[in-house]
């Protein structure tokens, strides 16, 4: 990972130095944005530079809208120099990255380069998508256009190879008794509220299933899980075999291992990314109280319910057959075709 930052000490090389990389991923560093951009870049193949942008005021307030001086100052002098030696492909995710990929494309168009940078922007930039070569958005966002590629859910790296790697990394989970129930807890969002009463309702159903079926519980909280609920995980389910992760104090996050070893997955409905990754496995997925979710994410969950990829959580957690949701490879194939990228290199 490299950062395009404010001026660095003289002994620090500029990221613009040396030959231009074939592809960049550009994000604000937030885990969800980096994960989506990285997943698409990996699916496209070829060497990639992971760039974390350090945006400056006032440009960061209005990104990706363009204010005077953006190319020179929005992301500091390193980025301004990098514009002169761009990659062949720039993949951005999030609003700050949308400004950066917009600037890269504008410069390339002005120079009429034969091998100009191609830009792919992930997530709705909230302005005209014609500022990018392609815009990749979830179906539930509602954005449509000639250069808009839609997908069900979000981009992620979860496929059979990724799951095999996670099983090897967390091989000790093989010793836990089946059925292994993975519990993925999110937290409050603009469209869903998670409080102690909601956790109690979820815990009662899950406890009944574990008491009946035996097996083990592999539970993880997220950064948005309320602290009291994260603490209650261990006290409520401590009598069951398994693993509970509440935060960095518990060591390495076993989340990949949970997805890889789960016989069934219970998930809160608040995170499109978390649900998309759970649904990319081959395990049945049970969503807790999806009717309490509002806004556009509700359209995503409703689509999963209609397809039969998820079911509403109950105390039975009865197994069912489900086709893995693997949208990243499909989107990558469309990007290659639409942008004329070689199969082995961007």
Protein backbone atom coordinates (compact mmCIF):
# COMPACT_ATOMS: atom_id res chain seq x y z
CA UNK A 1 0.00 0.00 0.00
CA UNK A 2 1.21 3.46 -0.85
CA UNK A 3 -0.10 6.82 0.21
CA UNK A 4 -0.36 9.92 -1.94
CA UNK A 5 0.19 12.49 0.73
CA UNK A 6 1.20 16.00 1.62
CA UNK A 7 4.86 16.89 1.00
CA UNK A 8 7.21 14.20 2.29
CA UNK A 9 10.74 14.60 3.64
CA UNK A 10 13.43 14.81 0.98
CA UNK A 11 14.64 11.28 1.68
CA UNK A 12 11.21 9.80 0.93
CA UNK A 13 10.69 8.88 -2.76
CA UNK A 14 7.66 10.16 -4.60
CA UNK A 15 5.14 7.52 -5.62
CA UNK A 16 5.38 9.01 -9.10
CA UNK A 17 9.04 7.99 -9.40
CA UNK A 18 10.00 5.02 -11.63
CA UNK A 19 7.95 3.30 -14.32
CA UNK A 20 4.20 3.70 -14.19
CA UNK A 21 2.37 0.70 -12.70
CA UNK A 22 -0.18 -1.03 -14.91
CA UNK A 23 -3.05 -0.44 -12.50
CA UNK A 24 -3.86 1.53 -9.40
CA UNK A 25 -6.56 1.08 -6.82
CA UNK A 26 -7.45 4.41 -5.23
CA UNK A 27 -9.41 4.77 -1.99
CA UNK A 28 -9.64 6.83 1.17
CA UNK A 29 -8.26 3.86 3.11
CA UNK A 30 -11.58 2.73 4.58
CA UNK A 31 -11.64 -1.06 4.75
CA UNK A 32 -14.86 -1.52 2.77
CA UNK A 33 -13.65 0.69 -0.09
CA UNK A 34 -10.20 -0.92 -0.23
CA UNK A 35 -11.76 -4.36 -0.20
CA UNK A 36 -14.04 -3.66 -3.16
CA UNK A 37 -11.39 -1.96 -5.27
CA UNK A 38 -8.86 -4.67 -4.47
CA UNK A 39 -11.32 -7.45 -5.27
CA UNK A 40 -12.01 -6.06 -8.74
CA UNK A 41 -8.31 -5.45 -9.43
CA UNK A 42 -7.47 -9.01 -8.39
CA UNK A 43 -10.19 -10.44 -10.60
CA UNK A 44 -8.86 -8.45 -13.56
CA UNK A 45 -5.33 -9.76 -13.00
CA UNK A 46 -1.96 -8.06 -13.36
CA UNK A 47 0.19 -6.08 -10.94
CA UNK A 48 -1.61 -3.39 -8.93
CA UNK A 49 -0.53 -0.51 -6.73
CA UNK A 50 -2.79 0.13 -3.74
CA UNK A 51 -2.94 3.91 -3.28
CA UNK A 52 -4.53 5.55 -0.23
CA UNK A 53 -5.42 9.16 -0.94
CA UNK A 54 -4.90 11.93 1.58
CA UNK A 55 -7.48 14.47 0.50
CA UNK A 56 -7.30 18.14 1.46
CA UNK A 57 -9.93 20.74 2.24
CA UNK A 58 -11.87 22.22 0.56
CA UNK A 59 -11.82 19.55 -2.17
CA UNK A 60 -12.59 16.65 0.16
CA UNK A 61 -15.82 18.34 1.27
CA UNK A 62 -17.33 18.39 -2.22
CA UNK A 63 -15.64 15.43 -3.92
CA UNK A 64 -16.07 14.33 -6.63
CA UNK A 65 -17.22 17.78 -7.71
CA UNK A 66 -14.35 19.71 -9.17
CA UNK A 67 -13.09 22.94 -7.64
CA UNK A 68 -10.33 25.10 -9.15
CA UNK A 69 -6.84 23.78 -8.51
CA UNK A 70 -7.97 20.21 -7.85
CA UNK A 71 -5.35 18.55 -10.06
CA UNK A 72 -2.56 20.46 -8.34
CA UNK A 73 -3.66 20.54 -4.72
CA UNK A 74 -6.61 18.23 -3.87
CA UNK A 75 -4.33 15.32 -2.92
CA UNK A 76 -0.99 17.06 -2.53
CA UNK A 77 2.08 17.33 -4.77
CA UNK A 78 2.72 13.58 -5.02
CA UNK A 79 -0.60 13.06 -6.77
CA UNK A 80 -0.05 16.10 -8.98
CA UNK A 81 3.25 14.60 -10.17
CA UNK A 82 1.67 11.16 -10.58
CA UNK A 83 -0.86 12.60 -13.03
CA UNK A 84 2.00 12.97 -15.51
CA UNK A 85 2.73 9.23 -15.40
CA UNK A 86 -0.65 7.55 -14.88
CA UNK A 87 -1.40 3.83 -14.92
CA UNK A 88 -3.25 2.16 -17.75
CA UNK A 89 -6.15 1.40 -15.41
CA UNK A 90 -7.37 3.29 -12.33
CA UNK A 91 -9.97 1.69 -10.07
CA UNK A 92 -11.49 3.99 -7.46
CA UNK A 93 -13.98 3.32 -4.69
CA UNK A 94 -15.68 6.03 -2.65
CA UNK A 95 -16.17 9.78 -3.11
CA UNK A 96 -12.55 10.86 -2.58
CA UNK A 97 -11.33 8.29 -5.08
CA UNK A 98 -14.02 9.44 -7.52
CA UNK A 99 -12.38 12.86 -7.68
CA UNK A 100 -8.96 11.29 -8.23
CA UNK A 101 -10.13 8.99 -11.03
CA UNK A 102 -12.03 11.89 -12.58
CA UNK A 103 -8.85 13.99 -12.65
CA UNK A 104 -6.87 11.11 -14.18
CA UNK A 105 -9.39 10.69 -16.98
CA UNK A 106 -9.66 14.41 -17.68
CA UNK A 107 -5.91 14.76 -18.09
CA UNK A 108 -5.71 11.74 -20.37
CA UNK A 109 -8.52 13.03 -22.58
CA UNK A 110 -6.84 16.42 -22.90
CA UNK A 111 -3.61 14.76 -24.00
CA UNK A 112 -5.41 12.39 -26.42
CA UNK A 113 -3.08 9.58 -25.45
CA UNK A 114 -3.25 6.39 -27.49
CA UNK A 115 -2.72 4.34 -24.34
CA UNK A 116 -4.64 6.63 -22.01
CA UNK A 117 -5.69 5.63 -18.53
CA UNK A 118 -9.04 3.85 -18.27
CA UNK A 119 -11.06 4.70 -15.17
CA UNK A 120 -13.48 2.50 -13.25
CA UNK A 121 -15.35 4.07 -10.34
CA UNK A 122 -17.04 1.82 -7.77
CA UNK A 123 -20.16 3.11 -5.94
CA UNK A 124 -22.46 5.90 -7.04
CA UNK A 125 -20.40 9.12 -7.38
CA UNK A 126 -23.60 11.20 -7.06
CA UNK A 127 -22.82 13.14 -10.22
CA UNK A 128 -23.04 12.35 -13.94
CA UNK A 129 -21.34 8.96 -14.52
CA UNK A 130 -19.99 10.16 -17.88
CA UNK A 131 -16.96 11.55 -15.99
CA UNK A 132 -15.62 7.97 -15.86
CA UNK A 133 -15.18 5.21 -18.41
CA UNK A 134 -17.23 2.82 -16.29
CA UNK A 135 -19.13 3.13 -13.02
CA UNK A 136 -19.86 -0.04 -11.02
CA UNK A 137 -22.78 0.20 -8.59
CA UNK A 138 -25.11 -2.08 -6.62
CA UNK A 139 -28.47 -2.65 -8.29
CA UNK A 140 -30.28 -1.35 -5.22
CA UNK A 141 -28.69 2.11 -5.61
CA UNK A 142 -30.84 2.72 -8.68
CA UNK A 143 -28.17 4.36 -10.87
CA UNK A 144 -28.39 3.42 -14.55
CA UNK A 145 -26.58 4.60 -17.68
CA UNK A 146 -24.74 3.52 -20.81
CA UNK A 147 -21.47 3.19 -18.91
CA UNK A 148 -22.97 1.90 -15.65
CA UNK A 149 -22.41 -1.74 -14.63
CA UNK A 150 -24.72 -3.03 -11.91
CA UNK A 151 -24.33 -5.97 -9.57
CA UNK A 152 -26.30 -7.63 -6.82
CA UNK A 153 -24.60 -6.62 -3.58
CA UNK A 154 -20.98 -5.53 -3.45
CA UNK A 155 -17.65 -6.59 -4.91
CA UNK A 156 -15.62 -8.93 -2.73
CA UNK A 157 -12.78 -11.47 -3.01
CA UNK A 158 -14.73 -14.50 -1.74
CA UNK A 159 -14.57 -17.45 -4.13
CA UNK A 160 -13.52 -21.09 -3.85
CA UNK A 161 -9.79 -20.27 -3.91
CA UNK A 162 -10.20 -17.55 -1.26
CA UNK A 163 -12.20 -19.91 0.97
CA UNK A 164 -9.59 -22.65 0.57
CA UNK A 165 -6.88 -20.22 1.64
CA UNK A 166 -8.93 -19.17 4.67
CA UNK A 167 -9.48 -22.79 5.67
CA UNK A 168 -5.74 -23.36 5.55
CA UNK A 169 -5.04 -20.18 7.53
CA UNK A 170 -7.54 -21.16 10.23
CA UNK A 171 -7.03 -24.93 10.05
CA UNK A 172 -7.63 -25.31 13.81
CA UNK A 173 -11.32 -24.62 13.23
CA UNK A 174 -11.57 -28.09 11.68
CA UNK A 175 -11.44 -29.48 15.22
CA UNK A 176 -14.63 -27.66 16.24
CA UNK A 177 -17.75 -29.84 16.17
CA UNK A 178 -20.37 -29.47 13.46
CA UNK A 179 -22.64 -27.85 12.72
CA UNK A 180 -20.39 -24.80 12.89
CA UNK A 181 -22.61 -21.74 13.12
CA UNK A 182 -21.00 -18.45 12.10
CA UNK A 183 -22.52 -15.33 13.66
CA UNK A 184 -21.71 -12.05 11.92
CA UNK A 185 -22.83 -9.03 13.93
CA UNK A 186 -23.01 -5.54 12.48
CA UNK A 187 -24.40 -2.49 14.17
CA UNK A 188 -26.34 0.72 13.83
CA UNK A 189 -26.65 2.22 10.38
CA UNK A 190 -28.79 4.83 8.67
CA UNK A 191 -31.31 2.10 7.85
CA UNK A 192 -31.23 -0.23 10.87
CA UNK A 193 -31.01 0.05 14.64
CA UNK A 194 -29.26 -2.58 16.75
CA UNK A 195 -29.85 -2.35 20.49
CA UNK A 196 -29.85 -4.66 23.50
CA UNK A 197 -33.44 -5.77 22.86
CA UNK A 198 -32.62 -6.76 19.28
CA UNK A 199 -29.55 -8.67 20.42
CA UNK A 200 -31.62 -10.49 23.05
CA UNK A 201 -34.12 -11.58 20.39
CA UNK A 202 -31.32 -12.82 18.10
CA UNK A 203 -29.49 -14.54 20.97
CA UNK A 204 -32.61 -16.39 22.14
CA UNK A 205 -33.19 -17.92 18.71
CA UNK A 206 -29.55 -18.81 18.25
CA UNK A 207 -29.24 -20.27 21.73
CA UNK A 208 -32.23 -22.53 21.06
CA UNK A 209 -30.66 -23.80 17.84
CA UNK A 210 -27.30 -24.45 19.49
CA UNK A 211 -28.89 -26.24 22.46
CA UNK A 212 -30.84 -28.49 20.09
CA UNK A 213 -28.19 -29.17 17.42
CA UNK A 214 -24.95 -28.98 19.40
CA UNK A 215 -21.97 -28.07 17.29
CA UNK A 216 -20.01 -24.87 17.80
CA UNK A 217 -20.34 -21.11 17.44
CA UNK A 218 -17.90 -18.87 15.58
CA UNK A 219 -18.89 -15.28 16.31
CA UNK A 220 -17.46 -11.93 15.31
CA UNK A 221 -18.46 -8.34 15.93
CA UNK A 222 -17.75 -5.40 13.63
CA UNK A 223 -16.44 -1.92 14.31
CA UNK A 224 -20.09 -0.71 14.37
CA UNK A 225 -21.30 -3.25 16.93
CA UNK A 226 -22.24 -1.42 20.16
CA UNK A 227 -19.68 -2.15 22.89
CA UNK A 228 -22.28 -3.58 25.25
CA UNK A 229 -23.48 -6.05 22.66
CA UNK A 230 -19.94 -7.09 21.75
CA UNK A 231 -19.25 -7.77 25.44
CA UNK A 232 -22.50 -9.73 25.76
CA UNK A 233 -21.35 -12.13 23.05
CA UNK A 234 -18.91 -13.85 25.35
CA UNK A 235 -21.08 -13.88 28.46
CA UNK A 236 -24.16 -15.10 26.59
CA UNK A 237 -22.51 -17.83 24.53
CA UNK A 238 -19.51 -18.73 26.67
CA UNK A 239 -20.94 -22.17 27.47
CA UNK A 240 -20.78 -23.23 23.82
CA UNK A 241 -17.63 -24.41 22.10
CA UNK A 242 -16.17 -22.12 19.50
CA UNK A 243 -14.54 -18.75 18.96
CA UNK A 244 -15.69 -15.24 19.83
CA UNK A 245 -13.97 -12.12 18.47
CA UNK A 246 -15.05 -8.71 19.78
CA UNK A 247 -12.21 -6.46 18.64
CA UNK A 248 -8.46 -6.01 18.31
CA UNK A 249 -7.93 -6.89 21.96
CA UNK A 250 -8.92 -10.47 21.06
CA UNK A 251 -6.09 -10.77 18.54
CA UNK A 252 -6.39 -11.56 14.85
CA UNK A 253 -9.88 -11.24 13.40
CA UNK A 254 -10.95 -14.79 12.41
CA UNK A 255 -13.60 -13.50 10.00
CA UNK A 256 -12.15 -15.28 6.92
CA UNK A 257 -12.04 -18.53 8.88
CA UNK A 258 -15.64 -18.09 9.97
CA UNK A 259 -16.80 -17.80 6.37
CA UNK A 260 -14.63 -20.69 5.25
CA UNK A 261 -15.59 -23.20 7.94
CA UNK A 262 -19.25 -22.28 8.53
CA UNK A 263 -21.93 -24.91 7.99
CA UNK A 264 -24.50 -22.14 8.35
CA UNK A 265 -24.27 -18.36 8.76
CA UNK A 266 -26.42 -15.99 10.82
CA UNK A 267 -26.03 -12.35 9.84
CA UNK A 268 -27.53 -9.01 10.81
CA UNK A 269 -29.04 -7.14 7.84
CA UNK A 270 -27.24 -3.80 8.11
CA UNK A 271 -24.13 -4.33 5.98
CA UNK A 272 -24.36 -4.96 2.24
CA UNK A 273 -20.67 -5.89 2.20
CA UNK A 274 -21.00 -8.40 5.03
CA UNK A 275 -24.10 -10.00 3.52
CA UNK A 276 -22.50 -10.16 0.07
CA UNK A 277 -19.48 -11.98 1.45
CA UNK A 278 -21.59 -14.40 3.48
CA UNK A 279 -23.65 -15.15 0.37
CA UNK A 280 -20.50 -15.79 -1.69
CA UNK A 281 -19.89 -18.92 0.40
CA UNK A 282 -21.79 -22.17 -0.10
CA UNK A 283 -23.33 -22.08 3.37
CA UNK A 284 -27.01 -21.27 3.97
CA UNK A 285 -27.39 -17.70 5.23
CA UNK A 286 -30.03 -16.60 7.74
CA UNK A 287 -30.77 -12.87 8.09
CA UNK A 288 -32.00 -11.53 11.42
CA UNK A 289 -35.27 -9.57 11.21
CA UNK A 290 -34.86 -8.26 7.66
CA UNK A 291 -38.20 -6.43 7.84
CA UNK A 292 -36.66 -3.88 10.24
CA UNK A 293 -34.19 -2.79 7.58
CA UNK A 294 -35.13 0.29 5.55
CA UNK A 295 -33.86 2.32 2.61
CA UNK A 296 -32.13 0.98 -0.46
CA UNK A 297 -30.31 -1.84 1.38
CA UNK A 298 -33.76 -3.35 2.01
CA UNK A 299 -34.08 -3.82 -1.76
CA UNK A 300 -30.88 -5.86 -1.72
CA UNK A 301 -32.06 -8.12 1.10
CA UNK A 302 -35.44 -8.55 -0.58
CA UNK A 303 -33.67 -9.63 -3.78
CA UNK A 304 -31.67 -12.23 -1.83
CA UNK A 305 -34.86 -13.53 -0.20
CA UNK A 306 -36.61 -13.74 -3.57
CA UNK A 307 -33.68 -15.67 -5.08
CA UNK A 308 -33.69 -18.06 -2.16
CA UNK A 309 -30.06 -17.25 -1.32
CA UNK A 310 -30.99 -16.22 2.22
CA UNK A 311 -33.82 -16.94 4.59
CA UNK A 312 -35.17 -15.08 7.57
CA UNK A 313 -33.55 -16.26 10.78
CA UNK A 314 -35.64 -18.49 13.02
CA UNK A 315 -34.84 -20.93 15.81
CA UNK A 316 -34.74 -23.91 13.41
CA UNK A 317 -31.89 -22.77 11.15
CA UNK A 318 -32.81 -25.68 8.88
CA UNK A 319 -30.25 -26.32 6.11
CA UNK A 320 -31.12 -25.45 2.51
CA UNK A 321 -29.36 -25.54 -0.84
CA UNK A 322 -28.20 -22.19 -2.18
CA UNK A 323 -26.10 -21.05 -5.12
CA UNK A 324 -23.12 -18.88 -4.09
CA UNK A 325 -23.45 -15.22 -5.05
CA UNK A 326 -20.27 -14.56 -7.05
CA UNK A 327 -20.66 -11.19 -8.78
CA UNK A 328 -17.03 -10.04 -8.82
CA UNK A 329 -15.90 -12.39 -11.60
CA UNK A 330 -18.92 -11.44 -13.72
CA UNK A 331 -18.26 -7.72 -13.29
CA UNK A 332 -14.56 -8.18 -14.07
CA UNK A 333 -15.43 -9.93 -17.35
CA UNK A 334 -17.69 -7.01 -18.31
CA UNK A 335 -14.97 -4.48 -17.43
CA UNK A 336 -12.41 -6.33 -19.57
CA UNK A 337 -14.76 -6.45 -22.53
CA UNK A 338 -16.00 -2.89 -22.30
CA UNK A 339 -12.54 -1.37 -21.82
CA UNK A 340 -10.69 -3.68 -24.21
CA UNK A 341 -8.35 -5.01 -21.55
CA UNK A 342 -6.21 -8.05 -22.20
CA UNK A 343 -7.15 -11.12 -20.19
CA UNK A 344 -3.78 -11.26 -18.45
CA UNK A 345 -2.90 -7.57 -18.01
CA UNK A 346 -4.91 -4.38 -17.50
